[in-house]
């Protein structure tokens, strides 16, 4: 049930792009620095996200990446599903990772509970957008009054 490092990096990259939505492309190095993501990992992740339709890129000196949708239209669950490649399907079993490794063939008494946990997690993920996260950050760190 833990979110892998790769999925965390993808979410943080999209969050950083959401912070700059409508301001033009952001350089990969700026995203990496702002979100403490190793540059090499970020380049791979952004290329994957580009295929998802969440992110656009522009080449050249003024190039970089930008969010292709409004932050309110990007749910955390959508990003996780895309990076997971599994879609809406929960893992066969949290403890065994797959039915092949399960001594009970994925049919133990705990399986229904794990499915409920999975559904509950995605209820939260799907109900949280990048805009929600931006709003939370603004509440925690309001802009200084000048």
C-alpha atoms as a PDB file:
ATOM      1  CA  UNK A   1       0.000   0.000   0.000  1.00  0.00           C
ATOM      2  CA  UNK A   2       2.990   2.288   0.190  1.00  0.00           C
ATOM      3  CA  UNK A   3       3.539   4.711  -2.626  1.00  0.00           C
ATOM      4  CA  UNK A   4       6.838   3.957  -4.351  1.00  0.00           C
ATOM      5  CA  UNK A   5       9.556   6.577  -4.596  1.00  0.00           C
ATOM      6  CA  UNK A   6       8.922   6.875  -8.327  1.00  0.00           C
ATOM      7  CA  UNK A   7       5.236   7.682  -7.755  1.00  0.00           C
ATOM      8  CA  UNK A   8       6.152  10.195  -5.043  1.00  0.00           C
ATOM      9  CA  UNK A   9       8.569  11.894  -7.445  1.00  0.00           C
ATOM     10  CA  UNK A  10       5.882  11.972 -10.157  1.00  0.00           C
ATOM     11  CA  UNK A  11       3.392  13.566  -7.764  1.00  0.00           C
ATOM     12  CA  UNK A  12       5.945  16.115  -6.553  1.00  0.00           C
ATOM     13  CA  UNK A  13       6.922  16.988 -10.129  1.00  0.00           C
ATOM     14  CA  UNK A  14       3.311  17.548 -11.137  1.00  0.00           C
ATOM     15  CA  UNK A  15       2.735  19.536  -7.947  1.00  0.00           C
ATOM     16  CA  UNK A  16       5.672  21.806  -8.829  1.00  0.00           C
ATOM     17  CA  UNK A  17       4.287  22.278 -12.338  1.00  0.00           C
ATOM     18  CA  UNK A  18       0.891  23.085 -10.810  1.00  0.00           C
ATOM     19  CA  UNK A  19       2.523  25.797  -8.682  1.00  0.00           C
ATOM     20  CA  UNK A  20       3.650  27.480 -11.903  1.00  0.00           C
ATOM     21  CA  UNK A  21       0.559  26.752 -13.996  1.00  0.00           C
ATOM     22  CA  UNK A  22       0.025  29.309 -16.742  1.00  0.00           C
ATOM     23  CA  UNK A  23       3.522  30.816 -16.363  1.00  0.00           C
ATOM     24  CA  UNK A  24       5.170  28.909 -19.209  1.00  0.00           C
ATOM     25  CA  UNK A  25       7.580  25.980 -19.241  1.00  0.00           C
ATOM     26  CA  UNK A  26       9.813  25.212 -16.253  1.00  0.00           C
ATOM     27  CA  UNK A  27      13.270  23.736 -16.647  1.00  0.00           C
ATOM     28  CA  UNK A  28      13.817  20.202 -15.399  1.00  0.00           C
ATOM     29  CA  UNK A  29      16.675  21.368 -13.186  1.00  0.00           C
ATOM     30  CA  UNK A  30      14.398  23.913 -11.473  1.00  0.00           C
ATOM     31  CA  UNK A  31      11.756  21.254 -10.776  1.00  0.00           C
ATOM     32  CA  UNK A  32      14.416  18.863  -9.475  1.00  0.00           C
ATOM     33  CA  UNK A  33      15.861  21.486  -7.146  1.00  0.00           C
ATOM     34  CA  UNK A  34      12.505  22.732  -5.839  1.00  0.00           C
ATOM     35  CA  UNK A  35      11.200  19.225  -5.096  1.00  0.00           C
ATOM     36  CA  UNK A  36      14.458  17.472  -4.139  1.00  0.00           C
ATOM     37  CA  UNK A  37      14.198  14.931  -6.953  1.00  0.00           C
ATOM     38  CA  UNK A  38      17.352  13.471  -8.526  1.00  0.00           C
ATOM     39  CA  UNK A  39      17.644  14.984 -12.011  1.00  0.00           C
ATOM     40  CA  UNK A  40      18.151  11.671 -13.851  1.00  0.00           C
ATOM     41  CA  UNK A  41      15.039  10.147 -12.262  1.00  0.00           C
ATOM     42  CA  UNK A  42      13.019  13.275 -12.957  1.00  0.00           C
ATOM     43  CA  UNK A  43      13.908  13.285 -16.655  1.00  0.00           C
ATOM     44  CA  UNK A  44      12.624   9.729 -17.040  1.00  0.00           C
ATOM     45  CA  UNK A  45       9.484  10.414 -15.006  1.00  0.00           C
ATOM     46  CA  UNK A  46       8.631  13.589 -16.935  1.00  0.00           C
ATOM     47  CA  UNK A  47       8.994  11.717 -20.224  1.00  0.00           C
ATOM     48  CA  UNK A  48       6.537   9.131 -18.930  1.00  0.00           C
ATOM     49  CA  UNK A  49       4.152  11.812 -17.683  1.00  0.00           C
ATOM     50  CA  UNK A  50       4.316  13.494 -21.072  1.00  0.00           C
ATOM     51  CA  UNK A  51       2.774  10.346 -22.581  1.00  0.00           C
ATOM     52  CA  UNK A  52      -0.039  10.529 -20.031  1.00  0.00           C
ATOM     53  CA  UNK A  53      -1.312  13.901 -21.190  1.00  0.00           C
ATOM     54  CA  UNK A  54      -0.654  15.499 -17.785  1.00  0.00           C
ATOM     55  CA  UNK A  55       2.478  17.269 -18.982  1.00  0.00           C
ATOM     56  CA  UNK A  56       3.618  19.092 -22.111  1.00  0.00           C
ATOM     57  CA  UNK A  57       7.179  19.915 -23.051  1.00  0.00           C
ATOM     58  CA  UNK A  58       8.861  22.572 -25.107  1.00  0.00           C
ATOM     59  CA  UNK A  59      12.384  22.316 -26.488  1.00  0.00           C
ATOM     60  CA  UNK A  60      15.007  24.989 -26.657  1.00  0.00           C
ATOM     61  CA  UNK A  61      16.467  27.690 -24.475  1.00  0.00           C
ATOM     62  CA  UNK A  62      13.043  28.825 -23.246  1.00  0.00           C
ATOM     63  CA  UNK A  63      11.880  25.223 -23.020  1.00  0.00           C
ATOM     64  CA  UNK A  64      10.934  22.957 -20.214  1.00  0.00           C
ATOM     65  CA  UNK A  65       7.804  21.273 -18.920  1.00  0.00           C
ATOM     66  CA  UNK A  66       4.383  22.563 -17.992  1.00  0.00           C
ATOM     67  CA  UNK A  67       1.144  21.126 -16.731  1.00  0.00           C
ATOM     68  CA  UNK A  68      -1.218  20.522 -19.660  1.00  0.00           C
ATOM     69  CA  UNK A  69      -4.380  20.635 -17.531  1.00  0.00           C
ATOM     70  CA  UNK A  70      -5.607  22.985 -14.863  1.00  0.00           C
ATOM     71  CA  UNK A  71      -4.483  21.893 -11.376  1.00  0.00           C
ATOM     72  CA  UNK A  72      -8.135  21.317 -10.414  1.00  0.00           C
ATOM     73  CA  UNK A  73      -8.364  18.754 -13.233  1.00  0.00           C
ATOM     74  CA  UNK A  74      -5.448  16.567 -12.116  1.00  0.00           C
ATOM     75  CA  UNK A  75      -6.342  14.092  -9.374  1.00  0.00           C
ATOM     76  CA  UNK A  76      -3.640  12.373  -7.343  1.00  0.00           C
ATOM     77  CA  UNK A  77      -5.311   9.038  -8.107  1.00  0.00           C
ATOM     78  CA  UNK A  78      -4.973   9.592 -11.863  1.00  0.00           C
ATOM     79  CA  UNK A  79      -1.232  10.182 -11.556  1.00  0.00           C
ATOM     80  CA  UNK A  80      -0.737   7.152  -9.318  1.00  0.00           C
ATOM     81  CA  UNK A  81      -2.740   4.929 -11.671  1.00  0.00           C
ATOM     82  CA  UNK A  82      -0.767   6.107 -14.676  1.00  0.00           C
ATOM     83  CA  UNK A  83       2.570   5.517 -12.967  1.00  0.00           C
ATOM     84  CA  UNK A  84       1.381   2.166 -11.616  1.00  0.00           C
ATOM     85  CA  UNK A  85       0.443   0.720 -15.005  1.00  0.00           C
ATOM     86  CA  UNK A  86      -2.019  -1.502 -13.139  1.00  0.00           C
ATOM     87  CA  UNK A  87      -4.960   0.856 -13.474  1.00  0.00           C
ATOM     88  CA  UNK A  88      -7.799   0.353 -11.042  1.00  0.00           C
ATOM     89  CA  UNK A  89      -6.801  -3.191 -10.199  1.00  0.00           C
ATOM     90  CA  UNK A  90      -5.560  -3.673  -6.634  1.00  0.00           C
ATOM     91  CA  UNK A  91      -2.568  -5.911  -6.113  1.00  0.00           C
ATOM     92  CA  UNK A  92      -3.615  -9.513  -5.556  1.00  0.00           C
ATOM     93  CA  UNK A  93      -2.467  -9.333  -1.961  1.00  0.00           C
ATOM     94  CA  UNK A  94      -0.607  -6.721  -0.006  1.00  0.00           C
ATOM     95  CA  UNK A  95       1.415  -9.297   1.898  1.00  0.00           C
ATOM     96  CA  UNK A  96       2.308 -11.529  -1.050  1.00  0.00           C
ATOM     97  CA  UNK A  97       2.458  -8.958  -3.877  1.00  0.00           C
ATOM     98  CA  UNK A  98       1.100 -11.486  -6.397  1.00  0.00           C
ATOM     99  CA  UNK A  99      -0.990 -14.633  -6.478  1.00  0.00           C
ATOM    100  CA  UNK A 100       2.083 -16.543  -7.694  1.00  0.00           C
ATOM    101  CA  UNK A 101       3.799 -15.927  -4.347  1.00  0.00           C
ATOM    102  CA  UNK A 102       0.729 -16.519  -2.201  1.00  0.00           C
ATOM    103  CA  UNK A 103       0.532 -19.855  -0.393  1.00  0.00           C
ATOM    104  CA  UNK A 104      -3.278 -19.533  -0.549  1.00  0.00           C
ATOM    105  CA  UNK A 105      -3.526 -18.589  -4.210  1.00  0.00           C
ATOM    106  CA  UNK A 106      -4.715 -15.093  -3.295  1.00  0.00           C
ATOM    107  CA  UNK A 107      -7.879 -16.512  -1.749  1.00  0.00           C
ATOM    108  CA  UNK A 108      -7.134 -16.083   1.947  1.00  0.00           C
ATOM    109  CA  UNK A 109      -9.523 -14.514   4.433  1.00  0.00           C
ATOM    110  CA  UNK A 110      -7.507 -11.277   4.368  1.00  0.00           C
ATOM    111  CA  UNK A 111      -7.995 -10.590   0.643  1.00  0.00           C
ATOM    112  CA  UNK A 112     -11.380  -8.825   0.976  1.00  0.00           C
ATOM    113  CA  UNK A 113      -9.932  -6.554   3.647  1.00  0.00           C
ATOM    114  CA  UNK A 114      -6.992  -5.601   1.404  1.00  0.00           C
ATOM    115  CA  UNK A 115      -9.413  -4.785  -1.401  1.00  0.00           C
ATOM    116  CA  UNK A 116     -11.347  -2.456   0.939  1.00  0.00           C
ATOM    117  CA  UNK A 117      -8.107  -0.766   1.982  1.00  0.00           C
ATOM    118  CA  UNK A 118      -7.205  -0.277  -1.694  1.00  0.00           C
ATOM    119  CA  UNK A 119     -10.635   1.203  -2.460  1.00  0.00           C
ATOM    120  CA  UNK A 120     -10.397   3.531   0.561  1.00  0.00           C
ATOM    121  CA  UNK A 121      -6.980   4.783  -0.483  1.00  0.00           C
ATOM    122  CA  UNK A 122      -8.165   5.570  -3.980  1.00  0.00           C
ATOM    123  CA  UNK A 123     -11.232   7.291  -2.592  1.00  0.00           C
ATOM    124  CA  UNK A 124      -8.825   9.742  -0.921  1.00  0.00           C
ATOM    125  CA  UNK A 125      -6.446   9.906  -3.912  1.00  0.00           C
ATOM    126  CA  UNK A 126      -9.275  10.485  -6.395  1.00  0.00           C
ATOM    127  CA  UNK A 127     -10.826  13.125  -4.149  1.00  0.00           C
ATOM    128  CA  UNK A 128      -7.595  15.106  -3.975  1.00  0.00           C
ATOM    129  CA  UNK A 129      -6.512  17.336  -6.851  1.00  0.00           C
ATOM    130  CA  UNK A 130      -3.346  19.299  -7.392  1.00  0.00           C
ATOM    131  CA  UNK A 131      -5.417  22.419  -6.681  1.00  0.00           C
ATOM    132  CA  UNK A 132      -6.353  20.983  -3.289  1.00  0.00           C
ATOM    133  CA  UNK A 133      -2.661  20.473  -2.539  1.00  0.00           C
ATOM    134  CA  UNK A 134      -1.831  24.003  -3.698  1.00  0.00           C
ATOM    135  CA  UNK A 135      -4.532  25.357  -1.387  1.00  0.00           C
ATOM    136  CA  UNK A 136      -3.113  23.372   1.530  1.00  0.00           C
ATOM    137  CA  UNK A 137       0.385  24.714   0.852  1.00  0.00           C
ATOM    138  CA  UNK A 138      -0.915  28.291   0.682  1.00  0.00           C
ATOM    139  CA  UNK A 139      -2.668  27.853   4.036  1.00  0.00           C
ATOM    140  CA  UNK A 140       0.513  26.533   5.637  1.00  0.00           C
ATOM    141  CA  UNK A 141       2.784  29.120   3.997  1.00  0.00           C
ATOM    142  CA  UNK A 142       0.810  32.271   3.206  1.00  0.00           C
ATOM    143  CA  UNK A 143       2.483  34.844   0.975  1.00  0.00           C
ATOM    144  CA  UNK A 144       4.037  37.710   2.943  1.00  0.00           C
ATOM    145  CA  UNK A 145       2.038  40.946   2.905  1.00  0.00           C
ATOM    146  CA  UNK A 146       3.974  43.845   1.408  1.00  0.00           C
END
